[in-house]
Amino acid sequence: MKIWAPSQAIVEVLTDLPDVDCVLYDGGPRPPEGAEEVEVWVPPLVPPRQTPELLGRMAKLRLLQTVTAGVEAYRPHLPDGVILCNARGVHEAGTAEWAVGAMIAVLRDFPGFTDAQRRGEWAYRYTGVLADATVLIIGYGSIGQALERRLDGFEVDVVRVARTAREGVHGEDELPALLPEADVVVLLVPSTPGTAGMVDAAFLARMKDGAVLVNAARGPVVDTGALVAELQRGRVRAALDVTDPEPLPEGHPLWTAPGVFITPHVAGSTPASIRRARRLVRSQMLRYLSGEPLNNVITGSY
């Protein structure tokens, strides 16, 4: 059985499996020979540009196991009969930790103080604070739960939102009433047709003055033009690990908009994620080889 794996670290945890030919493919422009023989594909963190073409050639593909939580790059091109599994459990720690750090960085104006340090300027002033804030988590899944655990102790009120309401969690239809009360709005929703442009001009207009938008989801969830307009007015602030477009091109107005802190999609790129990805892929392959049910199977709308 041929497997394509995205890194040497993952190749190493699969090489001892019986009757397995594990080939390294890191997503570069020249894939290895033999795509037609691949039965299991573990793509790299950044989906290869040639993903549609590769999937079209993989006649024997039976399992596509991502190392990301998002699977939007693969779903439209997945051949019939192929099982798609995501990496739920791999990036929760890193993404939740980034979200906490990012919201504190913006509220306490760490980027501004960094600029002052480079100028050699002692720029004393009052800042915002996370304590006593209302943090609205939109997309209350496993990462949202990990974020709430990390916020415990910061003396905040957490409001949870998911696509549909359940006990202790509001539905997305309640957002118009919830947004005006939030000091921090964290986006953790998947990228789907239903979430594309969710954060539009009307959404942003409902946020309170001075609130912070934290996007740890996907860039297209936010209408970039609408966000830039609000940032330039100085009415809201933002911390973004993802953007639309991505990578953000040189000269884009988002780079220089006031009150925005940008990182290059690094929230889940940590040693913890690498360790957990190795464990997940090996566990999934052991299940696959023994015919056991796989974890994290993507069905339905997501």
C-alpha atoms as a PDB file:
ATOM      1  CA  MET A   1       0.000   0.000   0.000  1.00  0.00           C
ATOM      2  CA  LYS A   2       1.400   3.381  -1.010  1.00  0.00           C
ATOM      3  CA  ILE A   3       1.103   6.386   1.320  1.00  0.00           C
ATOM      4  CA  TRP A   4       2.151   9.946   0.607  1.00  0.00           C
ATOM      5  CA  ALA A   5       3.215  11.736   3.804  1.00  0.00           C
ATOM      6  CA  PRO A   6       4.007  15.458   4.151  1.00  0.00           C
ATOM      7  CA  SER A   7       7.120  15.377   6.325  1.00  0.00           C
ATOM      8  CA  GLN A   8       9.969  13.165   7.397  1.00  0.00           C
ATOM      9  CA  ALA A   9       8.565  13.239  10.929  1.00  0.00           C
ATOM     10  CA  ILE A  10       5.351  11.568   9.744  1.00  0.00           C
ATOM     11  CA  VAL A  11       7.184   9.192   7.413  1.00  0.00           C
ATOM     12  CA  GLU A  12       9.177   7.958  10.410  1.00  0.00           C
ATOM     13  CA  VAL A  13       6.067   6.966  12.397  1.00  0.00           C
ATOM     14  CA  LEU A  14       4.665   4.963   9.464  1.00  0.00           C
ATOM     15  CA  THR A  15       7.693   3.128   8.073  1.00  0.00           C
ATOM     16  CA  ASP A  16       7.378   0.173  10.469  1.00  0.00           C
ATOM     17  CA  LEU A  17       3.804  -0.601   9.410  1.00  0.00           C
ATOM     18  CA  PRO A  18       3.462  -3.876   7.472  1.00  0.00           C
ATOM     19  CA  ASP A  19       3.221  -3.769   3.659  1.00  0.00           C
ATOM     20  CA  VAL A  20       3.398   0.027   3.592  1.00  0.00           C
ATOM     21  CA  ASP A  21       5.410   2.054   1.106  1.00  0.00           C
ATOM     22  CA  CYS A  22       5.583   5.543   2.616  1.00  0.00           C
ATOM     23  CA  VAL A  23       6.758   8.282   0.247  1.00  0.00           C
ATOM     24  CA  LEU A  24       7.605  11.840   1.262  1.00  0.00           C
ATOM     25  CA  TYR A  25       5.688  14.567  -0.584  1.00  0.00           C
ATOM     26  CA  ASP A  26       5.915  18.004   0.996  1.00  0.00           C
ATOM     27  CA  GLY A  27       3.632  19.758  -1.484  1.00  0.00           C
ATOM     28  CA  GLY A  28       6.328  20.983  -3.874  1.00  0.00           C
ATOM     29  CA  PRO A  29       5.711  21.601  -7.577  1.00  0.00           C
ATOM     30  CA  ARG A  30       7.096  18.188  -8.564  1.00  0.00           C
ATOM     31  CA  PRO A  31       5.149  15.380  -6.870  1.00  0.00           C
ATOM     32  CA  PRO A  32       6.702  11.923  -6.700  1.00  0.00           C
ATOM     33  CA  GLU A  33       5.946   9.406  -9.403  1.00  0.00           C
ATOM     34  CA  GLY A  34       3.090   6.998  -8.871  1.00  0.00           C
ATOM     35  CA  ALA A  35       0.137   9.172  -7.845  1.00  0.00           C
ATOM     36  CA  GLU A  36      -2.074   6.573  -9.512  1.00  0.00           C
ATOM     37  CA  GLU A  37      -0.990   4.002  -6.905  1.00  0.00           C
ATOM     38  CA  VAL A  38      -1.526   6.127  -3.774  1.00  0.00           C
ATOM     39  CA  GLU A  39      -4.101   4.623  -1.402  1.00  0.00           C
ATOM     40  CA  VAL A  40      -3.635   7.060   1.504  1.00  0.00           C
ATOM     41  CA  TRP A  41      -2.641  10.704   1.150  1.00  0.00           C
ATOM     42  CA  VAL A  42      -1.628  12.896   4.081  1.00  0.00           C
ATOM     43  CA  PRO A  43      -1.233  16.351   2.451  1.00  0.00           C
ATOM     44  CA  PRO A  44       1.051  19.051   3.864  1.00  0.00           C
ATOM     45  CA  LEU A  45      -0.076  21.934   6.048  1.00  0.00           C
ATOM     46  CA  VAL A  46      -0.405  24.211   3.003  1.00  0.00           C
ATOM     47  CA  PRO A  47      -2.449  22.459   0.283  1.00  0.00           C
ATOM     48  CA  PRO A  48      -0.454  21.995  -2.940  1.00  0.00           C
ATOM     49  CA  ARG A  49      -1.561  24.148  -5.854  1.00  0.00           C
ATOM     50  CA  GLN A  50      -1.957  21.032  -7.965  1.00  0.00           C
ATOM     51  CA  THR A  51      -4.359  19.364  -5.502  1.00  0.00           C
ATOM     52  CA  PRO A  52      -7.291  19.086  -7.979  1.00  0.00           C
ATOM     53  CA  GLU A  53      -5.076  17.549 -10.643  1.00  0.00           C
ATOM     54  CA  LEU A  54      -3.475  15.108  -8.187  1.00  0.00           C
ATOM     55  CA  LEU A  55      -6.820  13.959  -6.807  1.00  0.00           C
ATOM     56  CA  GLY A  56      -8.021  13.424 -10.345  1.00  0.00           C
ATOM     57  CA  ARG A  57      -5.099  11.037 -10.938  1.00  0.00           C
ATOM     58  CA  MET A  58      -5.366   9.092  -7.670  1.00  0.00           C
ATOM     59  CA  ALA A  59      -7.462   6.195  -8.934  1.00  0.00           C
ATOM     60  CA  LYS A  60      -6.677   3.995  -5.922  1.00  0.00           C
ATOM     61  CA  LEU A  61      -7.097   6.679  -3.241  1.00  0.00           C
ATOM     62  CA  ARG A  62      -9.243   5.496  -0.327  1.00  0.00           C
ATOM     63  CA  LEU A  63      -8.284   7.827   2.528  1.00  0.00           C
ATOM     64  CA  LEU A  64      -7.281  11.493   2.639  1.00  0.00           C
ATOM     65  CA  GLN A  65      -6.120  12.441   6.130  1.00  0.00           C
ATOM     66  CA  THR A  66      -5.337  16.126   6.554  1.00  0.00           C
ATOM     67  CA  VAL A  67      -3.007  17.624   9.151  1.00  0.00           C
ATOM     68  CA  THR A  68      -5.287  20.666   9.318  1.00  0.00           C
ATOM     69  CA  ALA A  69      -8.694  21.257  10.857  1.00  0.00           C
ATOM     70  CA  GLY A  70      -9.913  22.850   7.615  1.00  0.00           C
ATOM     71  CA  VAL A  71     -10.659  20.638   4.620  1.00  0.00           C
ATOM     72  CA  GLU A  72     -12.071  23.202   2.188  1.00  0.00           C
ATOM     73  CA  ALA A  73      -9.164  22.746  -0.237  1.00  0.00           C
ATOM     74  CA  TYR A  74     -10.029  19.062  -0.769  1.00  0.00           C
ATOM     75  CA  ARG A  75     -13.794  18.618  -0.508  1.00  0.00           C
ATOM     76  CA  PRO A  76     -14.708  20.014  -3.949  1.00  0.00           C
ATOM     77  CA  HIS A  77     -12.222  17.712  -5.692  1.00  0.00           C
ATOM     78  CA  LEU A  78     -12.524  14.518  -3.642  1.00  0.00           C
ATOM     79  CA  PRO A  79     -13.289  11.423  -5.756  1.00  0.00           C
ATOM     80  CA  ASP A  80     -16.335   9.377  -4.860  1.00  0.00           C
ATOM     81  CA  GLY A  81     -15.737   6.732  -2.226  1.00  0.00           C
ATOM     82  CA  VAL A  82     -12.727   8.437  -0.624  1.00  0.00           C
ATOM     83  CA  ILE A  83     -12.883   8.929   3.146  1.00  0.00           C
ATOM     84  CA  LEU A  84     -11.907  12.424   4.286  1.00  0.00           C
ATOM     85  CA  CYS A  85     -10.626  12.948   7.843  1.00  0.00           C
ATOM     86  CA  ASN A  86      -9.384  16.170   9.404  1.00  0.00           C
ATOM     87  CA  ALA A  87      -6.915  16.840  12.213  1.00  0.00           C
ATOM     88  CA  ARG A  88      -9.303  17.649  15.031  1.00  0.00           C
ATOM     89  CA  GLY A  89      -7.250  17.596  18.237  1.00  0.00           C
ATOM     90  CA  VAL A  90      -3.954  18.561  16.603  1.00  0.00           C
ATOM     91  CA  HIS A  91      -4.050  22.369  16.521  1.00  0.00           C
ATOM     92  CA  GLU A  92      -6.353  23.205  19.428  1.00  0.00           C
ATOM     93  CA  ALA A  93      -3.557  24.085  21.860  1.00  0.00           C
ATOM     94  CA  GLY A  94      -1.592  26.281  19.469  1.00  0.00           C
ATOM     95  CA  THR A  95      -4.597  28.085  18.029  1.00  0.00           C
ATOM     96  CA  ALA A  96      -6.205  28.734  21.407  1.00  0.00           C
ATOM     97  CA  GLU A  97      -2.909  29.978  22.820  1.00  0.00           C
ATOM     98  CA  TRP A  98      -2.432  32.297  19.838  1.00  0.00           C
ATOM     99  CA  ALA A  99      -5.932  33.720  20.281  1.00  0.00           C
ATOM    100  CA  VAL A 100      -5.306  34.558  23.932  1.00  0.00           C
ATOM    101  CA  GLY A 101      -1.934  36.107  23.143  1.00  0.00           C
ATOM    102  CA  ALA A 102      -3.302  38.064  20.201  1.00  0.00           C
ATOM    103  CA  MET A 103      -6.230  39.565  22.073  1.00  0.00           C
ATOM    104  CA  ILE A 104      -3.941  40.607  24.931  1.00  0.00           C
ATOM    105  CA  ALA A 105      -1.414  42.057  22.465  1.00  0.00           C
ATOM    106  CA  VAL A 106      -4.072  44.273  20.880  1.00  0.00           C
ATOM    107  CA  LEU A 107      -5.809  45.260  24.114  1.00  0.00           C
ATOM    108  CA  ARG A 108      -2.501  46.187  25.800  1.00  0.00           C
ATOM    109  CA  ASP A 109      -1.123  47.684  22.552  1.00  0.00           C
ATOM    110  CA  PHE A 110       2.031  45.587  22.492  1.00  0.00           C
ATOM    111  CA  PRO A 111       2.610  46.378  18.774  1.00  0.00           C
ATOM    112  CA  GLY A 112       2.513  50.110  19.573  1.00  0.00           C
ATOM    113  CA  PHE A 113       4.986  49.724  22.416  1.00  0.00           C
ATOM    114  CA  THR A 114       7.240  47.652  20.151  1.00  0.00           C
ATOM    115  CA  ASP A 115       7.262  50.492  17.631  1.00  0.00           C
ATOM    116  CA  ALA A 116       8.089  52.960  20.423  1.00  0.00           C
ATOM    117  CA  GLN A 117      10.927  50.708  21.610  1.00  0.00           C
ATOM    118  CA  ARG A 118      12.436  50.712  18.118  1.00  0.00           C
ATOM    119  CA  ARG A 119      12.301  54.510  18.164  1.00  0.00           C
ATOM    120  CA  GLY A 120      13.868  54.597  21.639  1.00  0.00           C
ATOM    121  CA  GLU A 121      10.752  56.319  22.976  1.00  0.00           C
ATOM    122  CA  TRP A 122       9.346  55.877  26.512  1.00  0.00           C
ATOM    123  CA  ALA A 123       5.674  56.074  25.427  1.00  0.00           C
ATOM    124  CA  TYR A 124       3.795  55.841  28.737  1.00  0.00           C
ATOM    125  CA  ARG A 125       0.004  55.635  28.432  1.00  0.00           C
ATOM    126  CA  TYR A 126      -3.004  53.745  29.679  1.00  0.00           C
ATOM    127  CA  THR A 127      -4.125  50.705  27.659  1.00  0.00           C
ATOM    128  CA  GLY A 128      -7.066  48.378  27.532  1.00  0.00           C
ATOM    129  CA  VAL A 129      -7.185  45.171  29.564  1.00  0.00           C
ATOM    130  CA  LEU A 130      -8.653  41.687  29.200  1.00  0.00           C
ATOM    131  CA  ALA A 131      -9.977  41.577  32.771  1.00  0.00           C
ATOM    132  CA  ASP A 132     -13.746  42.174  33.015  1.00  0.00           C
ATOM    133  CA  ALA A 133     -14.160  41.803  29.241  1.00  0.00           C
ATOM    134  CA  THR A 134     -16.904  39.857  27.478  1.00  0.00           C
ATOM    135  CA  VAL A 135     -15.314  37.427  25.008  1.00  0.00           C
ATOM    136  CA  LEU A 136     -17.654  36.153  22.292  1.00  0.00           C
ATOM    137  CA  ILE A 137     -16.450  32.880  20.757  1.00  0.00           C
ATOM    138  CA  ILE A 138     -18.065  32.230  17.364  1.00  0.00           C
ATOM    139  CA  GLY A 139     -17.549  28.618  16.365  1.00  0.00           C
ATOM    140  CA  TYR A 140     -17.670  26.788  19.677  1.00  0.00           C
ATOM    141  CA  GLY A 141     -16.108  23.476  18.737  1.00  0.00           C
ATOM    142  CA  SER A 142     -12.993  21.794  20.079  1.00  0.00           C
ATOM    143  CA  ILE A 143     -10.806  24.876  19.515  1.00  0.00           C
ATOM    144  CA  GLY A 144     -13.408  27.122  21.111  1.00  0.00           C
ATOM    145  CA  GLN A 145     -13.481  24.855  24.140  1.00  0.00           C
ATOM    146  CA  ALA A 146      -9.679  24.903  24.315  1.00  0.00           C
ATOM    147  CA  LEU A 147      -9.772  28.703  24.165  1.00  0.00           C
ATOM    148  CA  GLU A 148     -12.284  28.919  26.995  1.00  0.00           C
ATOM    149  CA  ARG A 149     -10.094  26.683  29.165  1.00  0.00           C
ATOM    150  CA  ARG A 150      -7.166  29.023  28.591  1.00  0.00           C
ATOM    151  CA  LEU A 151      -9.265  32.081  29.381  1.00  0.00           C
ATOM    152  CA  ASP A 152     -10.175  30.636  32.745  1.00  0.00           C
ATOM    153  CA  GLY A 153      -8.418  32.829  35.301  1.00  0.00           C
ATOM    154  CA  PHE A 154      -8.427  35.999  33.187  1.00  0.00           C
ATOM    155  CA  GLU A 155     -11.648  37.166  34.848  1.00  0.00           C
ATOM    156  CA  VAL A 156     -13.671  37.393  31.649  1.00  0.00           C
ATOM    157  CA  ASP A 157     -17.218  36.481  30.701  1.00  0.00           C
ATOM    158  CA  VAL A 158     -17.268  33.954  27.856  1.00  0.00           C
ATOM    159  CA  VAL A 159     -20.255  33.833  25.510  1.00  0.00           C
ATOM    160  CA  ARG A 160     -20.391  30.773  23.254  1.00  0.00           C
ATOM    161  CA  VAL A 161     -21.899  30.666  19.745  1.00  0.00           C
ATOM    162  CA  ALA A 162     -22.247  27.736  17.356  1.00  0.00           C
ATOM    163  CA  ARG A 163     -24.137  27.154  14.118  1.00  0.00           C
ATOM    164  CA  THR A 164     -27.096  25.798  16.067  1.00  0.00           C
ATOM    165  CA  ALA A 165     -27.987  26.477  19.693  1.00  0.00           C
ATOM    166  CA  ARG A 166     -27.551  23.909  22.433  1.00  0.00           C
ATOM    167  CA  GLU A 167     -27.409  24.059  26.199  1.00  0.00           C
ATOM    168  CA  GLY A 168     -25.017  26.833  27.199  1.00  0.00           C
ATOM    169  CA  VAL A 169     -24.304  27.757  23.566  1.00  0.00           C
ATOM    170  CA  HIS A 170     -26.148  30.369  21.515  1.00  0.00           C
ATOM    171  CA  GLY A 171     -27.060  29.865  17.873  1.00  0.00           C
ATOM    172  CA  GLU A 172     -25.598  32.027  15.091  1.00  0.00           C
ATOM    173  CA  ASP A 173     -29.039  33.575  14.598  1.00  0.00           C
ATOM    174  CA  GLU A 174     -28.562  35.325  17.949  1.00  0.00           C
ATOM    175  CA  LEU A 175     -25.412  37.202  16.859  1.00  0.00           C
ATOM    176  CA  PRO A 176     -27.152  40.530  16.132  1.00  0.00           C
ATOM    177  CA  ALA A 177     -28.106  40.780  19.809  1.00  0.00           C
ATOM    178  CA  LEU A 178     -24.813  39.419  21.155  1.00  0.00           C
ATOM    179  CA  LEU A 179     -22.306  41.455  19.135  1.00  0.00           C
ATOM    180  CA  PRO A 180     -22.997  44.867  20.738  1.00  0.00           C
ATOM    181  CA  GLU A 181     -22.132  43.463  24.180  1.00  0.00           C
ATOM    182  CA  ALA A 182     -18.786  41.868  23.267  1.00  0.00           C
ATOM    183  CA  ASP A 183     -15.402  43.445  23.945  1.00  0.00           C
ATOM    184  CA  VAL A 184     -13.584  40.683  22.029  1.00  0.00           C
ATOM    185  CA  VAL A 185     -15.060  38.660  19.154  1.00  0.00           C
ATOM    186  CA  VAL A 186     -13.140  35.489  18.272  1.00  0.00           C
ATOM    187  CA  LEU A 187     -13.776  33.720  14.966  1.00  0.00           C
ATOM    188  CA  LEU A 188     -13.212  29.961  14.968  1.00  0.00           C
ATOM    189  CA  VAL A 189     -15.743  28.855  12.350  1.00  0.00           C
ATOM    190  CA  PRO A 190     -14.832  26.533   9.460  1.00  0.00           C
ATOM    191  CA  SER A 191     -14.563  27.848   5.931  1.00  0.00           C
ATOM    192  CA  THR A 192     -17.804  26.886   4.186  1.00  0.00           C
ATOM    193  CA  PRO A 193     -20.158  28.592   1.732  1.00  0.00           C
ATOM    194  CA  GLY A 194     -22.280  29.510   4.742  1.00  0.00           C
ATOM    195  CA  THR A 195     -19.451  31.292   6.584  1.00  0.00           C
ATOM    196  CA  ALA A 196     -17.932  33.112   3.577  1.00  0.00           C
ATOM    197  CA  GLY A 197     -18.275  36.832   4.243  1.00  0.00           C
ATOM    198  CA  MET A 198     -19.982  36.238   7.580  1.00  0.00           C
ATOM    199  CA  VAL A 199     -18.164  39.252   9.025  1.00  0.00           C
ATOM    200  CA  ASP A 200     -19.469  41.916   6.676  1.00  0.00           C
ATOM    201  CA  ALA A 201     -20.190  45.615   7.104  1.00  0.00           C
ATOM    202  CA  ALA A 202     -23.421  44.924   8.998  1.00  0.00           C
ATOM    203  CA  PHE A 203     -21.665  42.501  11.381  1.00  0.00           C
ATOM    204  CA  LEU A 204     -18.878  44.986  12.070  1.00  0.00           C
ATOM    205  CA  ALA A 205     -21.352  47.836  12.555  1.00  0.00           C
ATOM    206  CA  ARG A 206     -22.978  45.874  15.381  1.00  0.00           C
ATOM    207  CA  MET A 207     -19.681  45.525  17.260  1.00  0.00           C
ATOM    208  CA  LYS A 208     -19.184  48.048  20.042  1.00  0.00           C
ATOM    209  CA  ASP A 209     -16.725  50.904  19.656  1.00  0.00           C
ATOM    210  CA  GLY A 210     -13.202  49.780  20.554  1.00  0.00           C
ATOM    211  CA  ALA A 211     -14.011  46.056  20.345  1.00  0.00           C
ATOM    212  CA  VAL A 212     -11.375  43.634  19.041  1.00  0.00           C
ATOM    213  CA  LEU A 213     -12.014  41.160  16.235  1.00  0.00           C
ATOM    214  CA  VAL A 214      -9.776  38.075  16.454  1.00  0.00           C
ATOM    215  CA  ASN A 215      -9.714  35.887  13.338  1.00  0.00           C
ATOM    216  CA  ALA A 216      -8.179  32.466  13.883  1.00  0.00           C
ATOM    217  CA  ALA A 217     -10.530  30.831  11.384  1.00  0.00           C
ATOM    218  CA  ARG A 218     -10.047  31.503   7.667  1.00  0.00           C
ATOM    219  CA  GLY A 219      -9.547  34.740   5.765  1.00  0.00           C
ATOM    220  CA  PRO A 220     -12.697  34.586   3.594  1.00  0.00           C
ATOM    221  CA  VAL A 221     -14.883  34.547   6.716  1.00  0.00           C
ATOM    222  CA  VAL A 222     -14.212  38.319   6.892  1.00  0.00           C
ATOM    223  CA  ASP A 223     -15.052  40.904   4.232  1.00  0.00           C
ATOM    224  CA  THR A 224     -11.605  42.499   4.054  1.00  0.00           C
ATOM    225  CA  GLY A 225     -12.804  45.749   2.520  1.00  0.00           C
ATOM    226  CA  ALA A 226     -15.419  46.227   5.232  1.00  0.00           C
ATOM    227  CA  LEU A 227     -12.852  45.510   7.940  1.00  0.00           C
ATOM    228  CA  VAL A 228     -10.304  47.944   6.480  1.00  0.00           C
ATOM    229  CA  ALA A 229     -12.987  50.644   6.421  1.00  0.00           C
ATOM    230  CA  GLU A 230     -13.800  50.141  10.111  1.00  0.00           C
ATOM    231  CA  LEU A 231     -10.131  50.020  11.090  1.00  0.00           C
ATOM    232  CA  GLN A 232      -9.398  53.228   9.228  1.00  0.00           C
ATOM    233  CA  ARG A 233     -12.255  54.899  11.089  1.00  0.00           C
ATOM    234  CA  GLY A 234     -10.637  53.733  14.325  1.00  0.00           C
ATOM    235  CA  ARG A 235     -13.877  52.235  15.546  1.00  0.00           C
ATOM    236  CA  VAL A 236     -12.710  48.628  15.983  1.00  0.00           C
ATOM    237  CA  ARG A 237      -9.383  46.834  16.276  1.00  0.00           C
ATOM    238  CA  ALA A 238      -8.313  43.423  14.998  1.00  0.00           C
ATOM    239  CA  ALA A 239      -5.889  40.557  15.456  1.00  0.00           C
ATOM    240  CA  LEU A 240      -5.606  38.422  12.321  1.00  0.00           C
ATOM    241  CA  ASP A 241      -3.771  35.162  11.780  1.00  0.00           C
ATOM    242  CA  VAL A 242      -5.551  34.710   8.454  1.00  0.00           C
ATOM    243  CA  THR A 243      -6.444  37.183   5.717  1.00  0.00           C
ATOM    244  CA  ASP A 244      -8.212  37.400   2.396  1.00  0.00           C
ATOM    245  CA  PRO A 245      -6.224  37.411   0.176  1.00  0.00           C
ATOM    246  CA  GLU A 246      -3.569  35.165   1.679  1.00  0.00           C
ATOM    247  CA  PRO A 247      -0.649  35.626   1.675  1.00  0.00           C
ATOM    248  CA  LEU A 248      -1.413  39.310   2.091  1.00  0.00           C
ATOM    249  CA  PRO A 249       0.356  41.065  -0.817  1.00  0.00           C
ATOM    250  CA  GLU A 250       2.793  43.914  -0.420  1.00  0.00           C
ATOM    251  CA  GLY A 251       1.053  47.271  -0.396  1.00  0.00           C
ATOM    252  CA  HIS A 252      -2.338  45.942   0.685  1.00  0.00           C
ATOM    253  CA  PRO A 253      -4.163  48.541   2.842  1.00  0.00           C
ATOM    254  CA  LEU A 254      -4.639  46.001   5.636  1.00  0.00           C
ATOM    255  CA  TRP A 255      -0.880  46.141   6.359  1.00  0.00           C
ATOM    256  CA  THR A 256      -1.027  49.789   7.361  1.00  0.00           C
ATOM    257  CA  ALA A 257      -4.539  50.037   8.759  1.00  0.00           C
ATOM    258  CA  PRO A 258      -4.543  51.379  12.343  1.00  0.00           C
ATOM    259  CA  GLY A 259      -5.293  49.041  15.208  1.00  0.00           C
ATOM    260  CA  VAL A 260      -4.544  45.762  13.440  1.00  0.00           C
ATOM    261  CA  PHE A 261      -2.060  43.056  14.487  1.00  0.00           C
ATOM    262  CA  ILE A 262      -1.255  40.489  11.753  1.00  0.00           C
ATOM    263  CA  THR A 263       0.568  37.160  11.911  1.00  0.00           C
ATOM    264  CA  PRO A 264       1.149  34.949   8.825  1.00  0.00           C
ATOM    265  CA  HIS A 265      -1.197  32.007   9.569  1.00  0.00           C
ATOM    266  CA  VAL A 266       1.041  30.611  12.309  1.00  0.00           C
ATOM    267  CA  ALA A 267      -1.441  29.931  15.118  1.00  0.00           C
ATOM    268  CA  GLY A 268      -1.270  26.164  14.725  1.00  0.00           C
ATOM    269  CA  SER A 269       2.351  25.984  13.570  1.00  0.00           C
ATOM    270  CA  THR A 270       3.975  24.773  16.778  1.00  0.00           C
ATOM    271  CA  PRO A 271       6.016  21.812  18.052  1.00  0.00           C
ATOM    272  CA  ALA A 272       2.905  20.665  19.934  1.00  0.00           C
ATOM    273  CA  SER A 273       1.014  20.454  16.651  1.00  0.00           C
ATOM    274  CA  ILE A 274       3.800  18.407  15.065  1.00  0.00           C
ATOM    275  CA  ARG A 275       3.800  15.943  17.957  1.00  0.00           C
ATOM    276  CA  ARG A 276       0.031  15.608  17.880  1.00  0.00           C
ATOM    277  CA  ALA A 277      -0.069  15.244  14.098  1.00  0.00           C
ATOM    278  CA  ARG A 278       2.387  12.356  14.304  1.00  0.00           C
ATOM    279  CA  ARG A 279       0.252  10.621  16.921  1.00  0.00           C
ATOM    280  CA  LEU A 280      -2.950  11.196  14.984  1.00  0.00           C
ATOM    281  CA  VAL A 281      -1.651   9.944  11.641  1.00  0.00           C
ATOM    282  CA  ARG A 282      -0.146   6.801  13.158  1.00  0.00           C
ATOM    283  CA  SER A 283      -3.340   6.093  15.100  1.00  0.00           C
ATOM    284  CA  GLN A 284      -5.458   6.567  11.995  1.00  0.00           C
ATOM    285  CA  MET A 285      -3.244   4.283   9.916  1.00  0.00           C
ATOM    286  CA  LEU A 286      -3.384   1.550  12.551  1.00  0.00           C
ATOM    287  CA  ARG A 287      -7.166   1.832  12.503  1.00  0.00           C
ATOM    288  CA  TYR A 288      -7.260   1.844   8.708  1.00  0.00           C
ATOM    289  CA  LEU A 289      -5.050  -1.231   8.388  1.00  0.00           C
ATOM    290  CA  SER A 290      -7.085  -3.172  10.955  1.00  0.00           C
ATOM    291  CA  GLY A 291     -10.437  -2.138   9.508  1.00  0.00           C
ATOM    292  CA  GLU A 292     -11.494  -0.171  12.583  1.00  0.00           C
ATOM    293  CA  PRO A 293     -13.641   2.982  12.317  1.00  0.00           C
ATOM    294  CA  LEU A 294     -11.569   6.097  11.711  1.00  0.00           C
ATOM    295  CA  ASN A 295     -11.669   9.236  13.829  1.00  0.00           C
ATOM    296  CA  ASN A 296     -12.514  12.731  12.570  1.00  0.00           C
ATOM    297  CA  VAL A 297     -14.421  11.560   9.491  1.00  0.00           C
ATOM    298  CA  ILE A 298     -15.943  14.554   7.684  1.00  0.00           C
ATOM    299  CA  THR A 299     -19.553  14.030   6.690  1.00  0.00           C
ATOM    300  CA  GLY A 300     -22.529  16.224   5.871  1.00  0.00           C
ATOM    301  CA  SER A 301     -22.030  19.954   5.452  1.00  0.00           C
ATOM    302  CA  TYR A 302     -18.729  19.818   7.325  1.00  0.00           C
END
